[in-house]
């Protein structure tokens, strides 16, 4: 197979934890040809979606390294993985439009571009209310303050960020509550999510990976560092791989058919205690940490699932 990965700048990818590099390694194990195309290198020329990028290789001695440059239609590839990190700004949206056109030109795009636009990673949890903690979405500070007063300890989060960016834990007595809400809502012009704080975060914000409807055997518990309420690795959390709990498996197996039906091939579910808090579909990570700690090769499972998908 010929596989392209739409990525953030290659130099920014951390080989010790980046799941895109894990996928490239697994593709090499299966003797497939991989290429990387940075987001800004996608173009529409003569009504055809084109990509300018480089071949990419992996071996145990040299790690990941780049080969020759190319410019060619995306339809040259058998599959294209969209692996650009949020925020979902206009550049990201335009990229999904280009990838949607590439789909019509015959290439399989994962995750499905229309679904990347349709399912907000935080709001989409509300499609499964049986698994969500009490929450609200609003741009009105007074309404959010009422929610905080009711639930006492609340997490506030933007709807378009990642890695724990812009997240606050607040209480009704927080002296900075007004300014936090004014800033986050941009003076009532931007909706945010308020979610009841889940004390089980001290045991970890669990990342559960679902590959083409199949649930991985291990989750990565991202445990907050001392004095922190965010477990995200980007916020300094400690990643500890462990087998799925009964509740985590229940959540994942319930969502799996929905995810597969909507062309969401690689999904990272975030679970804290008994609750589903996010459905990550843009560029889910944690494959490397799970393989290093348990031997479960989720990246290889992904490439094998792609082979099966394309053979049907």
Protein backbone atom coordinates (compact mmCIF):
# COMPACT_ATOMS: atom_id res chain seq x y z
CA UNK A 1 0.00 0.00 0.00
CA UNK A 2 0.89 3.62 -0.42
CA UNK A 3 -0.05 5.62 2.66
CA UNK A 4 0.14 9.39 3.18
CA UNK A 5 0.02 11.13 6.54
CA UNK A 6 -1.17 14.74 6.70
CA UNK A 7 0.82 16.16 9.60
CA UNK A 8 2.00 19.15 11.57
CA UNK A 9 5.65 20.03 10.76
CA UNK A 10 7.68 16.80 10.76
CA UNK A 11 10.37 18.29 13.01
CA UNK A 12 7.73 18.90 15.71
CA UNK A 13 6.84 15.19 16.04
CA UNK A 14 8.32 13.59 19.17
CA UNK A 15 9.60 10.07 18.34
CA UNK A 16 9.25 9.03 21.99
CA UNK A 17 5.48 9.49 22.06
CA UNK A 18 4.03 10.49 18.68
CA UNK A 19 1.39 8.07 17.38
CA UNK A 20 1.78 9.19 13.76
CA UNK A 21 5.40 8.04 13.88
CA UNK A 22 4.17 4.80 15.46
CA UNK A 23 1.85 4.27 12.49
CA UNK A 24 4.72 4.91 10.07
CA UNK A 25 6.85 2.35 11.94
CA UNK A 26 4.03 -0.20 11.75
CA UNK A 27 3.49 0.48 8.04
CA UNK A 28 7.19 -0.17 7.45
CA UNK A 29 6.90 -3.49 9.31
CA UNK A 30 4.18 -4.48 6.84
CA UNK A 31 6.33 -3.34 3.87
CA UNK A 32 4.06 -0.45 2.88
CA UNK A 33 5.29 2.84 1.43
CA UNK A 34 4.70 5.91 3.60
CA UNK A 35 4.84 9.63 2.90
CA UNK A 36 4.28 12.76 4.97
CA UNK A 37 2.55 15.91 3.72
CA UNK A 38 2.33 18.97 5.94
CA UNK A 39 -1.07 20.61 6.09
CA UNK A 40 -0.05 23.74 4.17
CA UNK A 41 1.34 21.55 1.37
CA UNK A 42 -2.12 20.45 0.24
CA UNK A 43 -3.42 22.29 -2.81
CA UNK A 44 -6.23 22.21 -5.35
CA UNK A 45 -4.75 22.52 -8.86
CA UNK A 46 -6.72 22.04 -12.06
CA UNK A 47 -9.59 20.76 -9.92
CA UNK A 48 -7.44 17.98 -8.43
CA UNK A 49 -6.20 17.69 -4.86
CA UNK A 50 -2.40 17.66 -4.84
CA UNK A 51 0.11 17.09 -2.08
CA UNK A 52 3.75 18.11 -1.84
CA UNK A 53 5.67 16.04 0.66
CA UNK A 54 8.44 13.54 1.28
CA UNK A 55 8.80 9.82 1.52
CA UNK A 56 9.38 8.67 5.09
CA UNK A 57 11.11 5.53 6.33
CA UNK A 58 11.83 3.80 9.62
CA UNK A 59 14.42 1.35 10.88
CA UNK A 60 15.65 0.47 14.35
CA UNK A 61 19.09 1.97 13.78
CA UNK A 62 18.18 5.35 12.28
CA UNK A 63 14.61 5.77 13.51
CA UNK A 64 12.37 7.85 11.23
CA UNK A 65 14.01 9.64 8.33
CA UNK A 66 12.84 11.47 5.23
CA UNK A 67 13.47 10.53 1.61
CA UNK A 68 12.80 12.19 -1.71
CA UNK A 69 10.35 15.03 -2.23
CA UNK A 70 7.32 14.69 -4.50
CA UNK A 71 4.26 16.54 -5.77
CA UNK A 72 1.40 14.33 -6.87
CA UNK A 73 -2.36 13.84 -6.63
CA UNK A 74 -3.62 12.41 -3.34
CA UNK A 75 -5.47 9.84 -5.43
CA UNK A 76 -2.02 8.30 -6.02
CA UNK A 77 -2.28 6.87 -2.48
CA UNK A 78 -4.37 3.97 -1.23
CA UNK A 79 -5.06 5.68 2.09
CA UNK A 80 -4.51 9.09 3.68
CA UNK A 81 -4.42 9.61 7.46
CA UNK A 82 -5.38 13.08 8.66
CA UNK A 83 -3.15 13.60 11.72
CA UNK A 84 -3.09 17.38 12.26
CA UNK A 85 -3.58 18.52 15.85
CA UNK A 86 -6.34 20.97 16.85
CA UNK A 87 -7.40 23.75 17.06
CA UNK A 88 -10.10 23.29 14.45
CA UNK A 89 -9.58 26.70 12.91
CA UNK A 90 -10.44 27.71 9.34
CA UNK A 91 -7.19 26.22 8.01
CA UNK A 92 -8.21 22.86 9.49
CA UNK A 93 -11.72 23.13 8.05
CA UNK A 94 -10.36 23.95 4.56
CA UNK A 95 -8.08 20.91 4.83
CA UNK A 96 -11.10 18.69 5.52
CA UNK A 97 -12.82 20.12 2.43
CA UNK A 98 -9.78 19.27 0.30
CA UNK A 99 -9.62 15.78 1.79
CA UNK A 100 -13.33 15.30 1.15
CA UNK A 101 -12.73 16.09 -2.50
CA UNK A 102 -9.82 13.64 -2.50
CA UNK A 103 -12.26 11.00 -1.21
CA UNK A 104 -14.40 11.59 -4.29
CA UNK A 105 -11.26 11.17 -6.40
CA UNK A 106 -10.87 7.65 -5.01
CA UNK A 107 -8.64 7.72 -1.94
CA UNK A 108 -9.64 6.43 1.50
CA UNK A 109 -9.26 9.25 4.06
CA UNK A 110 -9.06 8.43 7.78
CA UNK A 111 -10.64 9.79 9.82
CA UNK A 112 -13.51 10.70 7.50
CA UNK A 113 -13.28 14.45 6.76
CA UNK A 114 -17.00 15.12 7.14
CA UNK A 115 -16.99 13.41 10.54
CA UNK A 116 -14.00 15.49 11.66
CA UNK A 117 -16.15 18.57 11.06
CA UNK A 118 -19.37 17.12 12.42
CA UNK A 119 -18.30 15.66 15.76
CA UNK A 120 -16.74 18.10 18.19
CA UNK A 121 -14.44 16.15 20.48
CA UNK A 122 -16.07 17.46 23.66
CA UNK A 123 -19.66 18.08 22.59
CA UNK A 124 -20.04 14.69 20.91
CA UNK A 125 -19.95 13.00 24.33
CA UNK A 126 -23.50 14.31 24.82
CA UNK A 127 -24.67 11.78 22.22
CA UNK A 128 -24.12 9.23 25.00
CA UNK A 129 -25.67 10.90 28.07
CA UNK A 130 -25.67 7.65 30.04
CA UNK A 131 -21.88 7.99 30.31
CA UNK A 132 -21.40 11.74 30.79
CA UNK A 133 -21.07 13.74 34.02
CA UNK A 134 -23.36 16.76 34.54
CA UNK A 135 -22.30 19.45 32.07
CA UNK A 136 -23.46 22.50 30.20
CA UNK A 137 -22.34 24.51 27.16
CA UNK A 138 -22.87 28.24 27.16
CA UNK A 139 -21.33 31.60 26.35
CA UNK A 140 -23.20 33.36 29.17
CA UNK A 141 -21.12 33.84 32.34
CA UNK A 142 -24.13 34.20 34.65
CA UNK A 143 -25.58 30.87 33.50
CA UNK A 144 -22.21 29.18 33.96
CA UNK A 145 -21.88 30.70 37.44
CA UNK A 146 -25.24 29.16 38.36
CA UNK A 147 -23.90 25.77 37.23
CA UNK A 148 -20.76 26.29 39.32
CA UNK A 149 -22.88 27.23 42.32
CA UNK A 150 -24.90 24.03 41.92
CA UNK A 151 -21.97 21.62 41.48
CA UNK A 152 -19.36 23.48 43.61
CA UNK A 153 -16.28 22.05 41.86
CA UNK A 154 -16.35 22.49 38.09
CA UNK A 155 -13.98 22.11 35.15
CA UNK A 156 -14.21 24.80 32.47
CA UNK A 157 -12.81 23.96 29.05
CA UNK A 158 -12.74 25.50 25.57
CA UNK A 159 -14.41 23.46 22.84
CA UNK A 160 -11.62 23.64 20.27
CA UNK A 161 -8.35 22.98 22.12
CA UNK A 162 -6.30 19.92 23.08
CA UNK A 163 -3.71 18.68 25.57
CA UNK A 164 -5.35 20.33 28.56
CA UNK A 165 -4.88 23.80 27.08
CA UNK A 166 -7.11 26.51 28.53
CA UNK A 167 -8.72 24.29 31.20
CA UNK A 168 -9.63 25.70 34.62
CA UNK A 169 -10.96 24.13 37.81
CA UNK A 170 -13.20 26.61 39.62
CA UNK A 171 -15.46 26.87 42.68
CA UNK A 172 -18.17 29.40 43.57
CA UNK A 173 -15.73 31.19 45.90
CA UNK A 174 -12.94 31.44 43.32
CA UNK A 175 -11.90 35.14 43.39
CA UNK A 176 -10.96 34.96 39.72
CA UNK A 177 -14.18 33.30 38.51
CA UNK A 178 -15.57 36.42 36.83
CA UNK A 179 -12.42 37.22 34.91
CA UNK A 180 -11.92 33.55 33.94
CA UNK A 181 -15.43 33.44 32.47
CA UNK A 182 -15.05 36.80 30.75
CA UNK A 183 -11.78 35.66 29.19
CA UNK A 184 -12.89 32.16 28.21
CA UNK A 185 -16.21 33.31 26.72
CA UNK A 186 -14.59 36.38 25.16
CA UNK A 187 -17.20 38.58 26.81
CA UNK A 188 -20.15 36.27 26.10
CA UNK A 189 -19.27 35.71 22.42
CA UNK A 190 -17.79 32.21 22.63
CA UNK A 191 -19.33 29.03 24.04
CA UNK A 192 -17.37 26.89 26.49
CA UNK A 193 -18.11 23.67 28.37
CA UNK A 194 -18.63 23.48 32.11
CA UNK A 195 -18.36 19.97 33.51
CA UNK A 196 -18.76 18.78 37.09
CA UNK A 197 -15.33 17.95 38.51
CA UNK A 198 -14.69 14.21 38.76
CA UNK A 199 -12.53 13.36 41.82
CA UNK A 200 -11.43 10.10 40.19
CA UNK A 201 -9.03 12.20 38.08
CA UNK A 202 -6.45 11.49 40.81
CA UNK A 203 -6.42 7.89 39.52
CA UNK A 204 -5.90 9.09 35.96
CA UNK A 205 -7.60 10.43 32.86
CA UNK A 206 -7.74 7.17 30.90
CA UNK A 207 -7.16 7.11 27.13
CA UNK A 208 -8.95 4.16 25.52
CA UNK A 209 -8.17 3.57 21.83
CA UNK A 210 -10.72 2.18 19.40
CA UNK A 211 -9.43 1.06 15.98
CA UNK A 212 -12.06 0.60 13.27
CA UNK A 213 -14.58 -0.46 15.90
CA UNK A 214 -12.19 -2.76 17.81
CA UNK A 215 -11.29 -1.81 21.38
CA UNK A 216 -7.64 -1.96 22.48
CA UNK A 217 -6.79 -4.15 25.48
CA UNK A 218 -4.95 -1.47 27.44
CA UNK A 219 -5.65 2.14 28.33
CA UNK A 220 -3.12 4.82 29.23
CA UNK A 221 -3.91 6.42 32.58
CA UNK A 222 -2.62 9.98 32.51
CA UNK A 223 -2.13 10.78 36.18
CA UNK A 224 -1.91 14.46 37.20
CA UNK A 225 1.31 15.68 38.71
CA UNK A 226 1.27 17.05 42.26
CA UNK A 227 -0.89 20.19 42.55
CA UNK A 228 -2.45 19.73 39.10
CA UNK A 229 -6.01 18.75 38.12
CA UNK A 230 -5.20 17.93 34.47
CA UNK A 231 -3.89 14.49 33.59
CA UNK A 232 -2.87 15.39 30.03
CA UNK A 233 0.69 14.37 29.18
CA UNK A 234 1.15 17.81 27.62
CA UNK A 235 0.36 19.26 31.05
CA UNK A 236 2.95 17.10 32.80
CA UNK A 237 0.80 14.07 33.58
CA UNK A 238 2.41 10.66 34.13
CA UNK A 239 1.34 8.00 31.61
CA UNK A 240 0.74 4.53 33.08
CA UNK A 241 -0.63 1.76 30.85
CA UNK A 242 -3.09 -0.67 32.40
CA UNK A 243 -5.81 -3.13 31.36
CA UNK A 244 -9.27 -1.69 30.75
CA UNK A 245 -11.72 -1.67 33.62
CA UNK A 246 -15.19 -3.14 33.17
CA UNK A 247 -16.70 0.35 32.86
CA UNK A 248 -14.09 1.51 30.33
CA UNK A 249 -14.76 -1.54 28.18
CA UNK A 250 -18.52 -0.99 28.47
CA UNK A 251 -18.19 2.61 27.29
CA UNK A 252 -15.84 1.70 24.43
CA UNK A 253 -17.88 -1.26 23.15
CA UNK A 254 -21.06 0.82 23.29
CA UNK A 255 -19.51 3.60 21.19
CA UNK A 256 -17.56 1.34 18.81
CA UNK A 257 -20.34 0.65 16.25
CA UNK A 258 -21.22 4.36 16.09
CA UNK A 259 -17.57 5.30 15.54
CA UNK A 260 -17.07 2.73 12.79
CA UNK A 261 -20.32 3.68 11.05
CA UNK A 262 -19.15 7.29 10.85
CA UNK A 263 -15.74 6.51 9.38
CA UNK A 264 -13.87 7.25 12.60
CA UNK A 265 -11.06 4.75 12.17
CA UNK A 266 -8.75 5.86 15.02
CA UNK A 267 -10.48 7.22 18.12
CA UNK A 268 -9.22 7.98 21.60
CA UNK A 269 -11.90 7.96 24.29
CA UNK A 270 -11.13 9.85 27.48
CA UNK A 271 -12.63 8.23 30.57
CA UNK A 272 -12.36 9.49 34.15
CA UNK A 273 -13.79 7.09 36.69
CA UNK A 274 -17.19 6.04 35.35
CA UNK A 275 -17.52 8.97 32.95
CA UNK A 276 -16.78 9.63 29.29
CA UNK A 277 -15.31 13.13 29.01
CA UNK A 278 -14.04 13.40 25.41
CA UNK A 279 -14.14 11.56 22.08
CA UNK A 280 -10.82 12.39 20.41
CA UNK A 281 -10.96 11.98 16.64
CA UNK A 282 -8.44 14.47 15.23
CA UNK A 283 -5.07 12.90 16.05
CA UNK A 284 -5.39 10.51 19.01
CA UNK A 285 -2.15 9.58 20.73
CA UNK A 286 -0.79 7.16 23.41
CA UNK A 287 0.04 4.24 21.07
CA UNK A 288 3.77 4.47 21.80
CA UNK A 289 3.43 4.59 25.58
CA UNK A 290 1.09 1.57 25.58
CA UNK A 291 3.46 -0.46 23.38
CA UNK A 292 6.50 0.46 25.48
CA UNK A 293 4.80 -0.55 28.73
CA UNK A 294 2.67 -3.56 27.71
CA UNK A 295 3.84 -4.78 24.30
CA UNK A 296 0.37 -4.22 22.78
CA UNK A 297 1.12 -2.79 19.33
CA UNK A 298 -1.95 -0.69 18.57
CA UNK A 299 -0.25 0.98 15.60
CA UNK A 300 0.33 -2.42 14.00
CA UNK A 301 -3.29 -3.36 14.72
CA UNK A 302 -4.28 -0.15 12.92
CA UNK A 303 -2.28 -0.98 9.80
CA UNK A 304 -3.63 -4.54 9.79
CA UNK A 305 -7.16 -3.18 10.11
CA UNK A 306 -6.48 -0.86 7.18
CA UNK A 307 -5.25 -3.78 5.07
CA UNK A 308 -8.45 -5.68 5.86
CA UNK A 309 -10.62 -2.64 5.14
CA UNK A 310 -9.03 -2.02 1.75
CA UNK A 311 -9.23 -5.70 0.77
CA UNK A 312 -13.04 -5.71 1.07
